[in-house]
C-alpha atoms as a PDB file:
ATOM      1  CA  UNK A   1      56.018-114.722 -76.153  1.00  0.00           C
ATOM      2  CA  UNK A   2      58.842-112.932 -74.239  1.00  0.00           C
ATOM      3  CA  UNK A   3      58.527-111.960 -70.358  1.00  0.00           C
ATOM      4  CA  UNK A   4      61.050-109.943 -68.827  1.00  0.00           C
ATOM      5  CA  UNK A   5      61.830-110.512 -65.373  1.00  0.00           C
ATOM      6  CA  UNK A   6      63.955-108.573 -63.078  1.00  0.00           C
ATOM      7  CA  UNK A   7      66.233-106.665 -64.551  1.00  0.00           C
ATOM      8  CA  UNK A   8      67.610-103.368 -64.910  1.00  0.00           C
ATOM      9  CA  UNK A   9      65.333-100.953 -65.052  1.00  0.00           C
ATOM     10  CA  UNK A  10      65.008 -97.971 -63.513  1.00  0.00           C
ATOM     11  CA  UNK A  11      61.894 -96.027 -61.927  1.00  0.00           C
ATOM     12  CA  UNK A  12      59.092 -96.195 -63.601  1.00  0.00           C
ATOM     13  CA  UNK A  13      56.999 -93.227 -64.274  1.00  0.00           C
ATOM     14  CA  UNK A  14      53.297 -94.531 -64.778  1.00  0.00           C
ATOM     15  CA  UNK A  15      50.720 -93.481 -62.106  1.00  0.00           C
ATOM     16  CA  UNK A  16      49.121 -96.394 -60.297  1.00  0.00           C
ATOM     17  CA  UNK A  17      45.758 -95.601 -60.334  1.00  0.00           C
ATOM     18  CA  UNK A  18      44.269 -98.444 -58.353  1.00  0.00           C
ATOM     19  CA  UNK A  19      44.208 -96.117 -55.143  1.00  0.00           C
ATOM     20  CA  UNK A  20      42.954 -93.355 -56.208  1.00  0.00           C
ATOM     21  CA  UNK A  21      40.130 -95.475 -58.091  1.00  0.00           C
ATOM     22  CA  UNK A  22      39.398 -97.314 -54.717  1.00  0.00           C
ATOM     23  CA  UNK A  23      39.228 -93.472 -52.805  1.00  0.00           C
ATOM     24  CA  UNK A  24      36.739 -92.255 -55.535  1.00  0.00           C
ATOM     25  CA  UNK A  25      34.452 -95.216 -55.148  1.00  0.00           C
ATOM     26  CA  UNK A  26      34.476 -95.035 -51.061  1.00  0.00           C
ATOM     27  CA  UNK A  27      33.796 -91.293 -51.450  1.00  0.00           C
ATOM     28  CA  UNK A  28      30.890 -91.932 -53.982  1.00  0.00           C
ATOM     29  CA  UNK A  29      29.268 -94.720 -51.488  1.00  0.00           C
ATOM     30  CA  UNK A  30      29.809 -92.090 -48.748  1.00  0.00           C
ATOM     31  CA  UNK A  31      27.948 -89.306 -50.703  1.00  0.00           C
ATOM     32  CA  UNK A  32      25.002 -91.332 -51.867  1.00  0.00           C
ATOM     33  CA  UNK A  33      24.312 -92.443 -48.514  1.00  0.00           C
ATOM     34  CA  UNK A  34      24.366 -88.900 -46.515  1.00  0.00           C
ATOM     35  CA  UNK A  35      22.193 -87.350 -49.217  1.00  0.00           C
ATOM     36  CA  UNK A  36      19.039 -88.607 -48.397  1.00  0.00           C
ATOM     37  CA  UNK A  37      19.718 -88.367 -44.725  1.00  0.00           C
ATOM     38  CA  UNK A  38      20.323 -84.417 -45.134  1.00  0.00           C
ATOM     39  CA  UNK A  39      17.218 -82.415 -43.754  1.00  0.00           C
ATOM     40  CA  UNK A  40      15.350 -80.796 -46.663  1.00  0.00           C
ATOM     41  CA  UNK A  41      13.576 -77.926 -44.285  1.00  0.00           C
ATOM     42  CA  UNK A  42      10.593 -77.272 -42.606  1.00  0.00           C
ATOM     43  CA  UNK A  43       7.618 -76.851 -44.237  1.00  0.00           C
ATOM     44  CA  UNK A  44       5.729 -73.240 -43.010  1.00  0.00           C
ATOM     45  CA  UNK A  45       2.819 -71.578 -43.749  1.00  0.00           C
ATOM     46  CA  UNK A  46       2.956 -67.784 -43.719  1.00  0.00           C
ATOM     47  CA  UNK A  47      -0.125 -65.897 -42.991  1.00  0.00           C
ATOM     48  CA  UNK A  48      -1.485 -64.247 -45.675  1.00  0.00           C
ATOM     49  CA  UNK A  49      -3.125 -60.468 -45.064  1.00  0.00           C
ATOM     50  CA  UNK A  50      -6.798 -60.671 -45.962  1.00  0.00           C
ATOM     51  CA  UNK A  51      -8.228 -60.210 -49.592  1.00  0.00           C
ATOM     52  CA  UNK A  52     -10.497 -57.315 -48.568  1.00  0.00           C
ATOM     53  CA  UNK A  53      -9.489 -54.556 -46.565  1.00  0.00           C
ATOM     54  CA  UNK A  54     -12.001 -53.477 -43.836  1.00  0.00           C
ATOM     55  CA  UNK A  55     -11.769 -50.469 -41.376  1.00  0.00           C
ATOM     56  CA  UNK A  56     -13.775 -51.451 -38.721  1.00  0.00           C
ATOM     57  CA  UNK A  57     -14.580 -49.152 -35.905  1.00  0.00           C
ATOM     58  CA  UNK A  58     -13.886 -50.341 -32.411  1.00  0.00           C
ATOM     59  CA  UNK A  59     -17.383 -51.968 -31.164  1.00  0.00           C
ATOM     60  CA  UNK A  60     -18.718 -51.894 -27.591  1.00  0.00           C
ATOM     61  CA  UNK A  61     -16.723 -55.029 -27.303  1.00  0.00           C
ATOM     62  CA  UNK A  62     -13.481 -53.558 -27.859  1.00  0.00           C
ATOM     63  CA  UNK A  63     -12.014 -51.540 -25.244  1.00  0.00           C
ATOM     64  CA  UNK A  64      -9.644 -49.086 -25.842  1.00  0.00           C
ATOM     65  CA  UNK A  65      -7.818 -46.849 -23.379  1.00  0.00           C
ATOM     66  CA  UNK A  66      -6.545 -43.585 -24.211  1.00  0.00           C
ATOM     67  CA  UNK A  67      -4.328 -41.393 -22.425  1.00  0.00           C
ATOM     68  CA  UNK A  68      -3.725 -37.467 -23.366  1.00  0.00           C
ATOM     69  CA  UNK A  69      -1.132 -35.051 -22.465  1.00  0.00           C
ATOM     70  CA  UNK A  70      -2.811 -32.259 -20.804  1.00  0.00           C
ATOM     71  CA  UNK A  71      -0.758 -30.409 -18.421  1.00  0.00           C
ATOM     72  CA  UNK A  72       1.183 -31.844 -16.071  1.00  0.00           C
ATOM     73  CA  UNK A  73      -1.009 -34.670 -15.438  1.00  0.00           C
ATOM     74  CA  UNK A  74      -2.304 -36.958 -17.923  1.00  0.00           C
ATOM     75  CA  UNK A  75      -6.296 -37.564 -18.689  1.00  0.00           C
ATOM     76  CA  UNK A  76      -7.690 -40.983 -19.557  1.00  0.00           C
ATOM     77  CA  UNK A  77     -10.582 -42.421 -21.541  1.00  0.00           C
ATOM     78  CA  UNK A  78     -12.010 -45.520 -21.477  1.00  0.00           C
ATOM     79  CA  UNK A  79     -13.695 -45.820 -25.234  1.00  0.00           C
ATOM     80  CA  UNK A  80     -15.166 -42.261 -24.973  1.00  0.00           C
ATOM     81  CA  UNK A  81     -15.640 -42.134 -21.300  1.00  0.00           C
ATOM     82  CA  UNK A  82     -13.505 -39.867 -19.276  1.00  0.00           C
ATOM     83  CA  UNK A  83     -12.015 -41.623 -16.009  1.00  0.00           C
ATOM     84  CA  UNK A  84      -9.909 -40.776 -13.670  1.00  0.00           C
ATOM     85  CA  UNK A  85      -6.664 -42.168 -12.791  1.00  0.00           C
ATOM     86  CA  UNK A  86      -7.910 -44.003  -9.573  1.00  0.00           C
ATOM     87  CA  UNK A  87     -10.979 -44.919 -11.065  1.00  0.00           C
ATOM     88  CA  UNK A  88      -8.914 -46.954 -14.074  1.00  0.00           C
ATOM     89  CA  UNK A  89      -8.700 -50.290 -12.079  1.00  0.00           C
ATOM     90  CA  UNK A  90     -12.139 -50.565 -10.574  1.00  0.00           C
ATOM     91  CA  UNK A  91     -13.570 -49.516 -13.858  1.00  0.00           C
ATOM     92  CA  UNK A  92     -11.773 -51.977 -15.545  1.00  0.00           C
ATOM     93  CA  UNK A  93     -12.358 -54.422 -13.096  1.00  0.00           C
ATOM     94  CA  UNK A  94     -16.049 -54.208 -13.370  1.00  0.00           C
ATOM     95  CA  UNK A  95     -15.683 -54.472 -17.122  1.00  0.00           C
ATOM     96  CA  UNK A  96     -13.841 -57.684 -17.870  1.00  0.00           C
ATOM     97  CA  UNK A  97     -15.623 -59.223 -14.483  1.00  0.00           C
ATOM     98  CA  UNK A  98     -17.774 -61.257 -16.981  1.00  0.00           C
ATOM     99  CA  UNK A  99     -16.126 -61.125 -20.279  1.00  0.00           C
ATOM    100  CA  UNK A 100     -14.301 -64.455 -21.783  1.00  0.00           C
ATOM    101  CA  UNK A 101     -12.056 -62.195 -24.163  1.00  0.00           C
ATOM    102  CA  UNK A 102      -9.850 -60.105 -22.221  1.00  0.00           C
ATOM    103  CA  UNK A 103      -8.499 -57.959 -24.665  1.00  0.00           C
ATOM    104  CA  UNK A 104      -7.948 -54.014 -24.585  1.00  0.00           C
ATOM    105  CA  UNK A 105      -6.047 -51.694 -26.710  1.00  0.00           C
ATOM    106  CA  UNK A 106      -3.762 -48.683 -25.322  1.00  0.00           C
ATOM    107  CA  UNK A 107      -3.706 -45.557 -27.531  1.00  0.00           C
ATOM    108  CA  UNK A 108      -1.333 -42.670 -26.651  1.00  0.00           C
ATOM    109  CA  UNK A 109      -0.902 -39.119 -27.413  1.00  0.00           C
ATOM    110  CA  UNK A 110       2.336 -38.060 -29.150  1.00  0.00           C
ATOM    111  CA  UNK A 111       3.295 -35.871 -26.210  1.00  0.00           C
ATOM    112  CA  UNK A 112       2.422 -38.436 -23.597  1.00  0.00           C
ATOM    113  CA  UNK A 113       5.583 -39.994 -21.513  1.00  0.00           C
ATOM    114  CA  UNK A 114       5.858 -43.686 -21.684  1.00  0.00           C
ATOM    115  CA  UNK A 115       5.563 -44.278 -18.378  1.00  0.00           C
ATOM    116  CA  UNK A 116       1.912 -43.331 -18.249  1.00  0.00           C
ATOM    117  CA  UNK A 117       1.318 -45.873 -21.035  1.00  0.00           C
ATOM    118  CA  UNK A 118       3.285 -48.033 -18.715  1.00  0.00           C
ATOM    119  CA  UNK A 119       1.149 -47.235 -16.040  1.00  0.00           C
ATOM    120  CA  UNK A 120      -2.018 -47.894 -17.677  1.00  0.00           C
ATOM    121  CA  UNK A 121      -0.541 -51.481 -19.061  1.00  0.00           C
ATOM    122  CA  UNK A 122       0.239 -52.300 -15.209  1.00  0.00           C
ATOM    123  CA  UNK A 123      -3.491 -51.256 -14.411  1.00  0.00           C
ATOM    124  CA  UNK A 124      -4.703 -53.509 -17.030  1.00  0.00           C
ATOM    125  CA  UNK A 125      -2.677 -56.764 -15.759  1.00  0.00           C
ATOM    126  CA  UNK A 126      -4.178 -56.038 -12.314  1.00  0.00           C
ATOM    127  CA  UNK A 127      -7.557 -56.056 -13.638  1.00  0.00           C
ATOM    128  CA  UNK A 128      -6.967 -59.423 -15.388  1.00  0.00           C
ATOM    129  CA  UNK A 129      -6.583 -58.428 -18.838  1.00  0.00           C
ATOM    130  CA  UNK A 130      -4.987 -60.962 -20.923  1.00  0.00           C
ATOM    131  CA  UNK A 131      -4.140 -59.369 -24.059  1.00  0.00           C
ATOM    132  CA  UNK A 132      -3.186 -55.913 -24.274  1.00  0.00           C
ATOM    133  CA  UNK A 133      -2.555 -54.087 -27.836  1.00  0.00           C
ATOM    134  CA  UNK A 134      -0.861 -50.941 -28.464  1.00  0.00           C
ATOM    135  CA  UNK A 135      -2.089 -48.304 -30.960  1.00  0.00           C
ATOM    136  CA  UNK A 136       0.326 -46.732 -33.349  1.00  0.00           C
ATOM    137  CA  UNK A 137      -0.406 -44.019 -35.730  1.00  0.00           C
ATOM    138  CA  UNK A 138      -0.307 -46.733 -38.672  1.00  0.00           C
ATOM    139  CA  UNK A 139      -2.792 -48.854 -36.910  1.00  0.00           C
ATOM    140  CA  UNK A 140      -5.094 -45.903 -36.288  1.00  0.00           C
ATOM    141  CA  UNK A 141      -4.996 -44.447 -39.982  1.00  0.00           C
ATOM    142  CA  UNK A 142      -6.003 -47.918 -40.985  1.00  0.00           C
ATOM    143  CA  UNK A 143      -3.390 -48.770 -43.575  1.00  0.00           C
END
């Protein structure tokens, strides 16, 4: 058996892989610890549309305030009853006085300024209506 000691060699061109293996093992352990901790997202249920499409006309429980453009000042209707703007608040207060469900819809003509619709919404809020919906042409057509 021969063994070389010291000696006169030059630089060695062999790569020392021991430090690279140590770094690789440390990174492997880090990734093994991190992967189970990462969040997988939220489980959310998306509401599905109803399977049967029904076009229910407004019943006596549903209140629709309609605003029509006629001349300078618009005209107002609660369901199919003509109402003056000054009588909207007392009439809506009377309608919703004994109701548990305080839902109202507002439908406006195409030619009506939105400020008149906003006035009806303000009047409905003053009459303690909880939920106010705006009816659009797509909703009216039942599509």
